[in-house]
Amino acid sequence: MDIFRTPEHRFDAWIDFPFEPRFIEWQGLRMHYVDEGPADGPVMLMCHGMPTSSYLYRRMIPPLVAAGYRCIAPDYIGFGKSDKVRDDAWYSIEKHSQSISNLIENIDIERITLICQDWGGPIGLRQAVDMPARFDRLTIMNTWLHGPEHQYTQALRDWNAGWHPGGQFDETQACGLVMQMITSRNPGTPLTPEQVFAAYEAPFPDRASKAGPRRFPLSLPFDNPEGGNAAEQTRCFTALAEWDKPIHFIWGLQDDVFNEAWCDQWASCYSQATVDKIPDAPHFLQETHGPLVVEHLLRRIDQE
């Protein structure tokens, strides 16, 4: 297995990320995670998507720690400061899910509030379904689970097509550029456009190191049911119908991939669900509206 470890100096571009790096081994690979806050505090488990990492949650961690929470933010294998397997075929949603299960079990966290966005939904919600006793509540942001109820938007189908050979993203492998474009259209990040590009491009110095992010859009279940764990996603969606703990939806409305209509449809499946919408927040609302997301979440927890 061809394993690449991003040189530490590249993370000089991770501005405002003062957190001590922690690592755990899984199947011979080193996974990075943030672990901040009181060791005996209730846990916020923060699951990211593509092309991001724990860096996306840096604006949410300090106020949550100040509120007494222990914040756990992993980088999936292939992302952030975690090892990168330079083989596209290695990656699957099942492997990402297993690596997060390994983290939860090995650091033995309970009283978990899941915070999931983008691919953090299929990966993080799987943990809550399979280990419900460890979880207290779910926070669902601009994500999805595959199933008969979900209708994929044209924007997401175009995103998938763009990463196939000959597509617009296949040539550019645009990790930092994607984040720069989204945050430039939707102000709120304290970073300049150049800093956004540098931060989200930092883990990936060349094309081979981008195998992890490259596989995510090509793992969408309508295109790749096996790689995208379509059956498991549908199982989780069905199982959540029996979830009797709090569910809080926090949704950025400037998102044509997972739009407001899908948020409303999904939230309507649960009688206990709350919904907070942020009109000017984009798909990556943690980057542009992280402190406001925390305000909404803590208010909802107080109201439970």
C-alpha atoms as a PDB file:
ATOM      1  CA  MET A   1       0.000   0.000   0.000  1.00  0.00           C
ATOM      2  CA  ASP A   2       1.391   3.370  -1.090  1.00  0.00           C
ATOM      3  CA  ILE A   3       0.964   5.672   1.916  1.00  0.00           C
ATOM      4  CA  PHE A   4       1.719   9.394   1.865  1.00  0.00           C
ATOM      5  CA  ARG A   5       2.034  11.583   4.947  1.00  0.00           C
ATOM      6  CA  THR A   6       1.702  15.315   4.250  1.00  0.00           C
ATOM      7  CA  PRO A   7       4.770  17.223   5.492  1.00  0.00           C
ATOM      8  CA  GLU A   8       3.947  19.211   8.615  1.00  0.00           C
ATOM      9  CA  HIS A   9       5.178  22.491   7.165  1.00  0.00           C
ATOM     10  CA  ARG A  10       2.300  22.502   4.706  1.00  0.00           C
ATOM     11  CA  PHE A  11      -0.080  23.015   7.617  1.00  0.00           C
ATOM     12  CA  ASP A  12       1.416  26.431   8.274  1.00  0.00           C
ATOM     13  CA  ALA A  13      -1.505  27.453   6.048  1.00  0.00           C
ATOM     14  CA  TRP A  14      -3.958  26.277   8.738  1.00  0.00           C
ATOM     15  CA  ILE A  15      -4.464  29.718  10.256  1.00  0.00           C
ATOM     16  CA  ASP A  16      -6.276  29.880  13.603  1.00  0.00           C
ATOM     17  CA  PHE A  17      -5.840  26.152  14.303  1.00  0.00           C
ATOM     18  CA  PRO A  18      -4.024  26.005  17.663  1.00  0.00           C
ATOM     19  CA  PHE A  19      -5.161  22.508  18.581  1.00  0.00           C
ATOM     20  CA  GLU A  20      -2.787  19.771  19.662  1.00  0.00           C
ATOM     21  CA  PRO A  21      -2.607  17.007  17.037  1.00  0.00           C
ATOM     22  CA  ARG A  22      -3.631  13.546  18.206  1.00  0.00           C
ATOM     23  CA  PHE A  23      -3.335  10.303  16.285  1.00  0.00           C
ATOM     24  CA  ILE A  24      -4.785   6.807  16.325  1.00  0.00           C
ATOM     25  CA  GLU A  25      -3.792   3.784  14.256  1.00  0.00           C
ATOM     26  CA  TRP A  26      -6.294   1.950  12.066  1.00  0.00           C
ATOM     27  CA  GLN A  27      -5.347  -0.853   9.678  1.00  0.00           C
ATOM     28  CA  GLY A  28      -1.742   0.332   9.596  1.00  0.00           C
ATOM     29  CA  LEU A  29      -2.743   3.929   8.881  1.00  0.00           C
ATOM     30  CA  ARG A  30      -2.391   6.984  11.086  1.00  0.00           C
ATOM     31  CA  MET A  31      -5.580   8.977  11.590  1.00  0.00           C
ATOM     32  CA  HIS A  32      -5.451  12.520  12.962  1.00  0.00           C
ATOM     33  CA  TYR A  33      -8.100  13.969  15.233  1.00  0.00           C
ATOM     34  CA  VAL A  34      -8.657  17.004  17.432  1.00  0.00           C
ATOM     35  CA  ASP A  35      -9.580  16.357  21.073  1.00  0.00           C
ATOM     36  CA  GLU A  36     -10.211  19.599  22.945  1.00  0.00           C
ATOM     37  CA  GLY A  37     -12.121  20.386  26.120  1.00  0.00           C
ATOM     38  CA  PRO A  38     -12.756  18.610  29.433  1.00  0.00           C
ATOM     39  CA  ALA A  39     -12.037  14.877  29.304  1.00  0.00           C
ATOM     40  CA  ASP A  40     -15.173  14.174  31.332  1.00  0.00           C
ATOM     41  CA  GLY A  41     -17.421  16.548  29.397  1.00  0.00           C
ATOM     42  CA  PRO A  42     -20.228  15.579  27.038  1.00  0.00           C
ATOM     43  CA  VAL A  43     -18.839  15.038  23.564  1.00  0.00           C
ATOM     44  CA  MET A  44     -19.326  16.884  20.287  1.00  0.00           C
ATOM     45  CA  LEU A  45     -18.264  14.531  17.466  1.00  0.00           C
ATOM     46  CA  MET A  46     -17.698  16.589  14.306  1.00  0.00           C
ATOM     47  CA  CYS A  47     -17.733  14.712  10.996  1.00  0.00           C
ATOM     48  CA  HIS A  48     -16.575  16.542   7.882  1.00  0.00           C
ATOM     49  CA  GLY A  49     -17.023  15.982   4.170  1.00  0.00           C
ATOM     50  CA  MET A  50     -15.162  16.683   0.958  1.00  0.00           C
ATOM     51  CA  PRO A  51     -12.677  18.324   0.420  1.00  0.00           C
ATOM     52  CA  THR A  52     -12.434  19.377   4.051  1.00  0.00           C
ATOM     53  CA  SER A  53     -11.117  18.112   7.386  1.00  0.00           C
ATOM     54  CA  SER A  54     -11.132  18.987  11.075  1.00  0.00           C
ATOM     55  CA  TYR A  55      -9.950  22.430   9.970  1.00  0.00           C
ATOM     56  CA  LEU A  56     -13.522  23.194   8.887  1.00  0.00           C
ATOM     57  CA  TYR A  57     -14.647  23.050  12.530  1.00  0.00           C
ATOM     58  CA  ARG A  58     -11.976  25.352  13.983  1.00  0.00           C
ATOM     59  CA  ARG A  59     -14.447  28.237  14.519  1.00  0.00           C
ATOM     60  CA  MET A  60     -16.918  25.995  16.358  1.00  0.00           C
ATOM     61  CA  ILE A  61     -14.522  24.218  18.718  1.00  0.00           C
ATOM     62  CA  PRO A  62     -13.555  27.124  21.042  1.00  0.00           C
ATOM     63  CA  PRO A  63     -17.127  28.240  21.892  1.00  0.00           C
ATOM     64  CA  LEU A  64     -18.220  24.634  22.417  1.00  0.00           C
ATOM     65  CA  VAL A  65     -15.244  23.989  24.711  1.00  0.00           C
ATOM     66  CA  ALA A  66     -16.121  27.190  26.587  1.00  0.00           C
ATOM     67  CA  ALA A  67     -19.620  25.762  27.055  1.00  0.00           C
ATOM     68  CA  GLY A  68     -18.156  22.652  28.699  1.00  0.00           C
ATOM     69  CA  TYR A  69     -18.057  20.228  25.792  1.00  0.00           C
ATOM     70  CA  ARG A  70     -15.290  17.883  24.711  1.00  0.00           C
ATOM     71  CA  CYS A  71     -14.818  18.351  20.964  1.00  0.00           C
ATOM     72  CA  ILE A  72     -13.637  15.447  18.816  1.00  0.00           C
ATOM     73  CA  ALA A  73     -12.963  16.302  15.170  1.00  0.00           C
ATOM     74  CA  PRO A  74     -11.325  13.567  13.075  1.00  0.00           C
ATOM     75  CA  ASP A  75      -9.700  13.763   9.661  1.00  0.00           C
ATOM     76  CA  TYR A  76     -10.736  10.774   7.568  1.00  0.00           C
ATOM     77  CA  ILE A  77      -7.969   8.707   6.018  1.00  0.00           C
ATOM     78  CA  GLY A  78      -6.955  10.623   2.899  1.00  0.00           C
ATOM     79  CA  PHE A  79      -7.776  14.028   4.408  1.00  0.00           C
ATOM     80  CA  GLY A  80      -6.210  16.681   6.611  1.00  0.00           C
ATOM     81  CA  LYS A  81      -3.309  15.458   8.716  1.00  0.00           C
ATOM     82  CA  SER A  82      -4.255  11.789   8.365  1.00  0.00           C
ATOM     83  CA  ASP A  83      -2.322   9.379   6.172  1.00  0.00           C
ATOM     84  CA  LYS A  84      -3.241   9.310   2.494  1.00  0.00           C
ATOM     85  CA  VAL A  85      -3.448   6.083   0.535  1.00  0.00           C
ATOM     86  CA  ARG A  86      -2.351   6.916  -2.998  1.00  0.00           C
ATOM     87  CA  ASP A  87      -4.705   4.447  -4.627  1.00  0.00           C
ATOM     88  CA  ASP A  88      -8.180   5.587  -5.634  1.00  0.00           C
ATOM     89  CA  ALA A  89      -9.548   2.051  -5.483  1.00  0.00           C
ATOM     90  CA  TRP A  90      -8.735   1.760  -1.767  1.00  0.00           C
ATOM     91  CA  TYR A  91     -11.347   4.313  -0.732  1.00  0.00           C
ATOM     92  CA  SER A  92     -14.967   3.555   0.094  1.00  0.00           C
ATOM     93  CA  ILE A  93     -17.597   4.987   2.396  1.00  0.00           C
ATOM     94  CA  GLU A  94     -17.563   1.702   4.310  1.00  0.00           C
ATOM     95  CA  LYS A  95     -13.876   2.125   5.134  1.00  0.00           C
ATOM     96  CA  HIS A  96     -14.402   5.698   6.294  1.00  0.00           C
ATOM     97  CA  SER A  97     -17.295   4.511   8.463  1.00  0.00           C
ATOM     98  CA  GLN A  98     -15.207   1.719   9.973  1.00  0.00           C
ATOM     99  CA  SER A  99     -12.353   4.095  10.778  1.00  0.00           C
ATOM    100  CA  ILE A 100     -14.700   6.410  12.685  1.00  0.00           C
ATOM    101  CA  SER A 101     -16.197   3.448  14.555  1.00  0.00           C
ATOM    102  CA  ASN A 102     -12.657   2.475  15.513  1.00  0.00           C
ATOM    103  CA  LEU A 103     -11.988   5.975  16.845  1.00  0.00           C
ATOM    104  CA  ILE A 104     -15.196   6.078  18.910  1.00  0.00           C
ATOM    105  CA  GLU A 105     -14.566   2.674  20.442  1.00  0.00           C
ATOM    106  CA  ASN A 106     -10.862   3.137  21.124  1.00  0.00           C
ATOM    107  CA  ILE A 107     -11.082   6.509  22.831  1.00  0.00           C
ATOM    108  CA  ASP A 108     -14.340   5.228  24.360  1.00  0.00           C
ATOM    109  CA  ILE A 109     -16.526   8.300  24.045  1.00  0.00           C
ATOM    110  CA  GLU A 110     -20.158   8.461  25.161  1.00  0.00           C
ATOM    111  CA  ARG A 111     -22.816  11.159  25.670  1.00  0.00           C
ATOM    112  CA  ILE A 112     -22.133  12.159  22.066  1.00  0.00           C
ATOM    113  CA  THR A 113     -23.780  14.930  20.118  1.00  0.00           C
ATOM    114  CA  LEU A 114     -23.122  14.165  16.470  1.00  0.00           C
ATOM    115  CA  ILE A 115     -22.457  17.146  14.221  1.00  0.00           C
ATOM    116  CA  CYS A 116     -22.414  16.049  10.597  1.00  0.00           C
ATOM    117  CA  GLN A 117     -22.307  17.848   7.263  1.00  0.00           C
ATOM    118  CA  ASP A 118     -21.737  16.753   3.637  1.00  0.00           C
ATOM    119  CA  TRP A 119     -20.282  13.194   3.656  1.00  0.00           C
ATOM    120  CA  GLY A 120     -20.259  13.448   7.437  1.00  0.00           C
ATOM    121  CA  GLY A 121     -23.947  12.500   7.211  1.00  0.00           C
ATOM    122  CA  PRO A 122     -23.561   9.021   5.691  1.00  0.00           C
ATOM    123  CA  ILE A 123     -20.443   8.383   7.795  1.00  0.00           C
ATOM    124  CA  GLY A 124     -21.522   9.934  11.093  1.00  0.00           C
ATOM    125  CA  LEU A 125     -25.172   8.878  11.156  1.00  0.00           C
ATOM    126  CA  ARG A 126     -24.028   5.300  10.605  1.00  0.00           C
ATOM    127  CA  GLN A 127     -22.287   5.508  13.999  1.00  0.00           C
ATOM    128  CA  ALA A 128     -25.427   6.699  15.765  1.00  0.00           C
ATOM    129  CA  VAL A 129     -27.520   3.946  14.203  1.00  0.00           C
ATOM    130  CA  ASP A 130     -25.009   1.217  15.046  1.00  0.00           C
ATOM    131  CA  MET A 131     -24.050   2.525  18.521  1.00  0.00           C
ATOM    132  CA  PRO A 132     -27.152   4.383  19.730  1.00  0.00           C
ATOM    133  CA  ALA A 133     -26.308   4.033  23.421  1.00  0.00           C
ATOM    134  CA  ARG A 134     -23.254   6.246  22.910  1.00  0.00           C
ATOM    135  CA  PHE A 135     -25.230   9.107  21.339  1.00  0.00           C
ATOM    136  CA  ASP A 136     -27.459  11.714  22.999  1.00  0.00           C
ATOM    137  CA  ARG A 137     -28.578  13.690  19.956  1.00  0.00           C
ATOM    138  CA  LEU A 138     -28.001  14.375  16.256  1.00  0.00           C
ATOM    139  CA  THR A 139     -27.143  17.667  14.562  1.00  0.00           C
ATOM    140  CA  ILE A 140     -27.662  17.425  10.812  1.00  0.00           C
ATOM    141  CA  MET A 141     -26.351  20.118   8.473  1.00  0.00           C
ATOM    142  CA  ASN A 142     -26.471  20.234   4.659  1.00  0.00           C
ATOM    143  CA  THR A 143     -26.124  16.506   4.103  1.00  0.00           C
ATOM    144  CA  TRP A 144     -28.220  13.480   3.199  1.00  0.00           C
ATOM    145  CA  LEU A 145     -28.732   9.761   3.412  1.00  0.00           C
ATOM    146  CA  HIS A 146     -29.395   7.707   0.307  1.00  0.00           C
ATOM    147  CA  GLY A 147     -32.844   6.240   0.133  1.00  0.00           C
ATOM    148  CA  PRO A 148     -36.109   6.275  -1.780  1.00  0.00           C
ATOM    149  CA  GLU A 149     -37.095   9.599  -0.197  1.00  0.00           C
ATOM    150  CA  HIS A 150     -34.037  11.475  -1.443  1.00  0.00           C
ATOM    151  CA  GLN A 151     -34.088  13.011  -4.901  1.00  0.00           C
ATOM    152  CA  TYR A 152     -30.604  14.009  -6.025  1.00  0.00           C
ATOM    153  CA  THR A 153     -30.388  17.584  -7.269  1.00  0.00           C
ATOM    154  CA  GLN A 154     -29.064  18.440 -10.690  1.00  0.00           C
ATOM    155  CA  ALA A 155     -26.257  20.365  -8.985  1.00  0.00           C
ATOM    156  CA  LEU A 156     -25.071  17.182  -7.267  1.00  0.00           C
ATOM    157  CA  ARG A 157     -25.320  15.192 -10.492  1.00  0.00           C
ATOM    158  CA  ASP A 158     -23.243  17.854 -12.231  1.00  0.00           C
ATOM    159  CA  TRP A 159     -20.703  17.700  -9.386  1.00  0.00           C
ATOM    160  CA  ASN A 160     -20.426  13.948  -9.852  1.00  0.00           C
ATOM    161  CA  ALA A 161     -20.032  14.266 -13.619  1.00  0.00           C
ATOM    162  CA  GLY A 162     -17.315  16.878 -13.189  1.00  0.00           C
ATOM    163  CA  TRP A 163     -15.028  14.392 -11.429  1.00  0.00           C
ATOM    164  CA  HIS A 164     -15.295  11.686 -14.077  1.00  0.00           C
ATOM    165  CA  PRO A 165     -12.523  11.489 -16.695  1.00  0.00           C
ATOM    166  CA  GLY A 166     -12.760  14.514 -18.934  1.00  0.00           C
ATOM    167  CA  GLY A 167     -14.860  16.484 -16.429  1.00  0.00           C
ATOM    168  CA  GLN A 168     -13.976  19.986 -15.330  1.00  0.00           C
ATOM    169  CA  PHE A 169     -12.742  18.900 -11.897  1.00  0.00           C
ATOM    170  CA  ASP A 170     -10.894  15.809 -13.122  1.00  0.00           C
ATOM    171  CA  GLU A 171      -8.270  18.038 -14.682  1.00  0.00           C
ATOM    172  CA  THR A 172      -7.979  20.670 -11.953  1.00  0.00           C
ATOM    173  CA  GLN A 173      -8.502  18.422  -8.873  1.00  0.00           C
ATOM    174  CA  ALA A 174      -9.935  21.551  -7.317  1.00  0.00           C
ATOM    175  CA  CYS A 175      -9.903  21.154  -3.527  1.00  0.00           C
ATOM    176  CA  GLY A 176      -8.723  24.584  -2.414  1.00  0.00           C
ATOM    177  CA  LEU A 177     -10.353  26.214  -5.425  1.00  0.00           C
ATOM    178  CA  VAL A 178     -13.776  24.764  -4.624  1.00  0.00           C
ATOM    179  CA  MET A 179     -13.632  26.145  -1.092  1.00  0.00           C
ATOM    180  CA  GLN A 180     -12.376  29.489  -2.358  1.00  0.00           C
ATOM    181  CA  MET A 181     -15.234  29.765  -4.858  1.00  0.00           C
ATOM    182  CA  ILE A 182     -17.942  28.882  -2.323  1.00  0.00           C
ATOM    183  CA  THR A 183     -16.683  31.189   0.413  1.00  0.00           C
ATOM    184  CA  SER A 184     -16.106  34.045  -2.032  1.00  0.00           C
ATOM    185  CA  ARG A 185     -19.757  33.874  -3.107  1.00  0.00           C
ATOM    186  CA  ASN A 186     -20.936  33.658   0.503  1.00  0.00           C
ATOM    187  CA  PRO A 187     -18.919  35.960   2.789  1.00  0.00           C
ATOM    188  CA  GLY A 188     -18.406  35.162   6.434  1.00  0.00           C
ATOM    189  CA  THR A 189     -15.042  33.450   6.724  1.00  0.00           C
ATOM    190  CA  PRO A 190     -12.319  35.511   8.416  1.00  0.00           C
ATOM    191  CA  LEU A 191      -9.853  34.211   5.827  1.00  0.00           C
ATOM    192  CA  THR A 192      -8.959  35.983   2.612  1.00  0.00           C
ATOM    193  CA  PRO A 193      -9.682  34.084  -0.616  1.00  0.00           C
ATOM    194  CA  GLU A 194      -5.981  33.316  -0.906  1.00  0.00           C
ATOM    195  CA  GLN A 195      -5.880  31.965   2.640  1.00  0.00           C
ATOM    196  CA  VAL A 196      -8.936  29.784   2.009  1.00  0.00           C
ATOM    197  CA  PHE A 197      -7.273  28.283  -1.046  1.00  0.00           C
ATOM    198  CA  ALA A 198      -3.999  27.669   0.787  1.00  0.00           C
ATOM    199  CA  ALA A 199      -5.650  26.107   3.852  1.00  0.00           C
ATOM    200  CA  TYR A 200      -7.820  23.616   2.003  1.00  0.00           C
ATOM    201  CA  GLU A 201      -5.156  22.777  -0.554  1.00  0.00           C
ATOM    202  CA  ALA A 202      -2.499  22.294   2.146  1.00  0.00           C
ATOM    203  CA  PRO A 203      -3.049  18.553   2.798  1.00  0.00           C
ATOM    204  CA  PHE A 204      -2.696  17.729  -0.901  1.00  0.00           C
ATOM    205  CA  PRO A 205       0.615  18.742  -2.512  1.00  0.00           C
ATOM    206  CA  ASP A 206       0.041  16.739  -5.703  1.00  0.00           C
ATOM    207  CA  ARG A 207      -2.567  14.837  -7.699  1.00  0.00           C
ATOM    208  CA  ALA A 208      -1.716  11.456  -6.180  1.00  0.00           C
ATOM    209  CA  SER A 209      -2.334  12.748  -2.660  1.00  0.00           C
ATOM    210  CA  LYS A 210      -5.887  13.734  -3.640  1.00  0.00           C
ATOM    211  CA  ALA A 211      -7.132  10.175  -4.080  1.00  0.00           C
ATOM    212  CA  GLY A 212      -9.349  10.505  -0.987  1.00  0.00           C
ATOM    213  CA  PRO A 213     -11.218  13.645  -2.006  1.00  0.00           C
ATOM    214  CA  ARG A 214     -11.342  12.463  -5.622  1.00  0.00           C
ATOM    215  CA  ARG A 215     -13.232   9.327  -4.626  1.00  0.00           C
ATOM    216  CA  PHE A 216     -15.995  11.067  -2.686  1.00  0.00           C
ATOM    217  CA  PRO A 217     -17.872  12.600  -5.656  1.00  0.00           C
ATOM    218  CA  LEU A 218     -17.356   9.351  -7.570  1.00  0.00           C
ATOM    219  CA  SER A 219     -18.911   7.417  -4.650  1.00  0.00           C
ATOM    220  CA  LEU A 220     -22.334   9.025  -4.829  1.00  0.00           C
ATOM    221  CA  PRO A 221     -24.772   6.103  -4.636  1.00  0.00           C
ATOM    222  CA  PHE A 222     -26.684   6.953  -7.805  1.00  0.00           C
ATOM    223  CA  ASP A 223     -23.397   6.506  -9.688  1.00  0.00           C
ATOM    224  CA  ASN A 224     -21.540   3.991  -7.518  1.00  0.00           C
ATOM    225  CA  PRO A 225     -23.914   2.080  -5.200  1.00  0.00           C
ATOM    226  CA  GLU A 226     -21.229  -0.217  -3.801  1.00  0.00           C
ATOM    227  CA  GLY A 227     -18.536   2.399  -3.223  1.00  0.00           C
ATOM    228  CA  GLY A 228     -21.118   4.804  -1.838  1.00  0.00           C
ATOM    229  CA  ASN A 229     -22.557   2.248   0.569  1.00  0.00           C
ATOM    230  CA  ALA A 230     -26.059   2.729  -0.843  1.00  0.00           C
ATOM    231  CA  ALA A 231     -27.590  -0.208   1.022  1.00  0.00           C
ATOM    232  CA  GLU A 232     -26.089   0.853   4.346  1.00  0.00           C
ATOM    233  CA  GLN A 233     -27.208   4.438   3.859  1.00  0.00           C
ATOM    234  CA  THR A 234     -30.755   3.285   3.173  1.00  0.00           C
ATOM    235  CA  ARG A 235     -30.629   1.027   6.236  1.00  0.00           C
ATOM    236  CA  CYS A 236     -29.585   3.984   8.376  1.00  0.00           C
ATOM    237  CA  PHE A 237     -32.291   6.229   6.948  1.00  0.00           C
ATOM    238  CA  THR A 238     -34.900   3.583   7.744  1.00  0.00           C
ATOM    239  CA  ALA A 239     -33.496   2.960  11.237  1.00  0.00           C
ATOM    240  CA  LEU A 240     -33.618   6.639  12.139  1.00  0.00           C
ATOM    241  CA  ALA A 241     -37.410   6.499  11.896  1.00  0.00           C
ATOM    242  CA  GLU A 242     -37.194   4.833  15.335  1.00  0.00           C
ATOM    243  CA  TRP A 243     -34.783   7.388  16.797  1.00  0.00           C
ATOM    244  CA  ASP A 244     -36.387   8.849  19.921  1.00  0.00           C
ATOM    245  CA  LYS A 245     -33.683  11.299  20.976  1.00  0.00           C
ATOM    246  CA  PRO A 246     -33.323  14.949  19.897  1.00  0.00           C
ATOM    247  CA  ILE A 247     -32.576  15.763  16.263  1.00  0.00           C
ATOM    248  CA  HIS A 248     -31.574  19.304  15.322  1.00  0.00           C
ATOM    249  CA  PHE A 249     -31.323  20.415  11.699  1.00  0.00           C
ATOM    250  CA  ILE A 250     -29.190  23.507  11.029  1.00  0.00           C
ATOM    251  CA  TRP A 251     -29.191  24.392   7.352  1.00  0.00           C
ATOM    252  CA  GLY A 252     -27.423  26.878   5.117  1.00  0.00           C
ATOM    253  CA  LEU A 253     -29.874  27.992   2.452  1.00  0.00           C
ATOM    254  CA  GLN A 254     -27.288  29.086  -0.116  1.00  0.00           C
ATOM    255  CA  ASP A 255     -26.793  25.473  -1.178  1.00  0.00           C
ATOM    256  CA  ASP A 256     -28.059  24.114  -4.485  1.00  0.00           C
ATOM    257  CA  VAL A 257     -26.702  20.633  -3.700  1.00  0.00           C
ATOM    258  CA  PHE A 258     -28.704  19.995  -0.516  1.00  0.00           C
ATOM    259  CA  ASN A 259     -31.427  22.595  -0.741  1.00  0.00           C
ATOM    260  CA  GLU A 260     -34.094  23.934   1.589  1.00  0.00           C
ATOM    261  CA  ALA A 261     -36.770  21.633   0.204  1.00  0.00           C
ATOM    262  CA  TRP A 262     -34.701  18.579   1.146  1.00  0.00           C
ATOM    263  CA  CYS A 263     -34.074  19.980   4.629  1.00  0.00           C
ATOM    264  CA  ASP A 264     -37.824  20.442   5.158  1.00  0.00           C
ATOM    265  CA  GLN A 265     -38.660  17.022   3.753  1.00  0.00           C
ATOM    266  CA  TRP A 266     -36.091  15.218   5.883  1.00  0.00           C
ATOM    267  CA  ALA A 267     -36.885  17.081   9.080  1.00  0.00           C
ATOM    268  CA  SER A 268     -40.582  16.300   8.642  1.00  0.00           C
ATOM    269  CA  CYS A 269     -39.773  12.608   9.144  1.00  0.00           C
ATOM    270  CA  TYR A 270     -39.181  13.160  12.883  1.00  0.00           C
ATOM    271  CA  SER A 271     -41.753  14.587  15.248  1.00  0.00           C
ATOM    272  CA  GLN A 272     -39.035  15.780  17.650  1.00  0.00           C
ATOM    273  CA  ALA A 273     -36.920  17.553  15.002  1.00  0.00           C
ATOM    274  CA  THR A 274     -36.055  21.227  15.261  1.00  0.00           C
ATOM    275  CA  VAL A 275     -34.962  23.287  12.262  1.00  0.00           C
ATOM    276  CA  ASP A 276     -32.828  26.422  12.157  1.00  0.00           C
ATOM    277  CA  LYS A 277     -32.149  27.946   8.753  1.00  0.00           C
ATOM    278  CA  ILE A 278     -29.350  30.400   8.022  1.00  0.00           C
ATOM    279  CA  PRO A 279     -30.417  32.324   4.914  1.00  0.00           C
ATOM    280  CA  ASP A 280     -26.982  33.553   3.815  1.00  0.00           C
ATOM    281  CA  ALA A 281     -24.979  30.435   4.742  1.00  0.00           C
ATOM    282  CA  PRO A 282     -23.589  28.184   1.999  1.00  0.00           C
ATOM    283  CA  HIS A 283     -22.973  24.448   1.890  1.00  0.00           C
ATOM    284  CA  PHE A 284     -19.899  24.757   4.122  1.00  0.00           C
ATOM    285  CA  LEU A 285     -21.661  26.775   6.804  1.00  0.00           C
ATOM    286  CA  GLN A 286     -19.026  25.866   9.414  1.00  0.00           C
ATOM    287  CA  GLU A 287     -16.465  27.971   7.543  1.00  0.00           C
ATOM    288  CA  THR A 288     -18.646  31.043   7.079  1.00  0.00           C
ATOM    289  CA  HIS A 289     -21.079  30.832  10.009  1.00  0.00           C
ATOM    290  CA  GLY A 290     -19.422  28.564  12.586  1.00  0.00           C
ATOM    291  CA  PRO A 291     -20.127  30.717  15.674  1.00  0.00           C
ATOM    292  CA  LEU A 292     -23.774  31.183  14.647  1.00  0.00           C
ATOM    293  CA  VAL A 293     -24.149  27.422  14.158  1.00  0.00           C
ATOM    294  CA  VAL A 294     -22.912  26.960  17.743  1.00  0.00           C
ATOM    295  CA  GLU A 295     -25.409  29.544  19.018  1.00  0.00           C
ATOM    296  CA  HIS A 296     -28.284  27.705  17.352  1.00  0.00           C
ATOM    297  CA  LEU A 297     -27.131  24.317  18.642  1.00  0.00           C
ATOM    298  CA  LEU A 298     -26.593  25.384  22.255  1.00  0.00           C
ATOM    299  CA  ARG A 299     -29.966  27.126  22.303  1.00  0.00           C
ATOM    300  CA  ARG A 300     -31.686  23.989  21.038  1.00  0.00           C
ATOM    301  CA  ILE A 301     -29.917  21.833  23.614  1.00  0.00           C
ATOM    302  CA  ASP A 302     -31.013  24.201  26.372  1.00  0.00           C
ATOM    303  CA  GLN A 303     -34.611  23.862  25.151  1.00  0.00           C
ATOM    304  CA  GLU A 304     -34.661  20.045  25.201  1.00  0.00           C
END
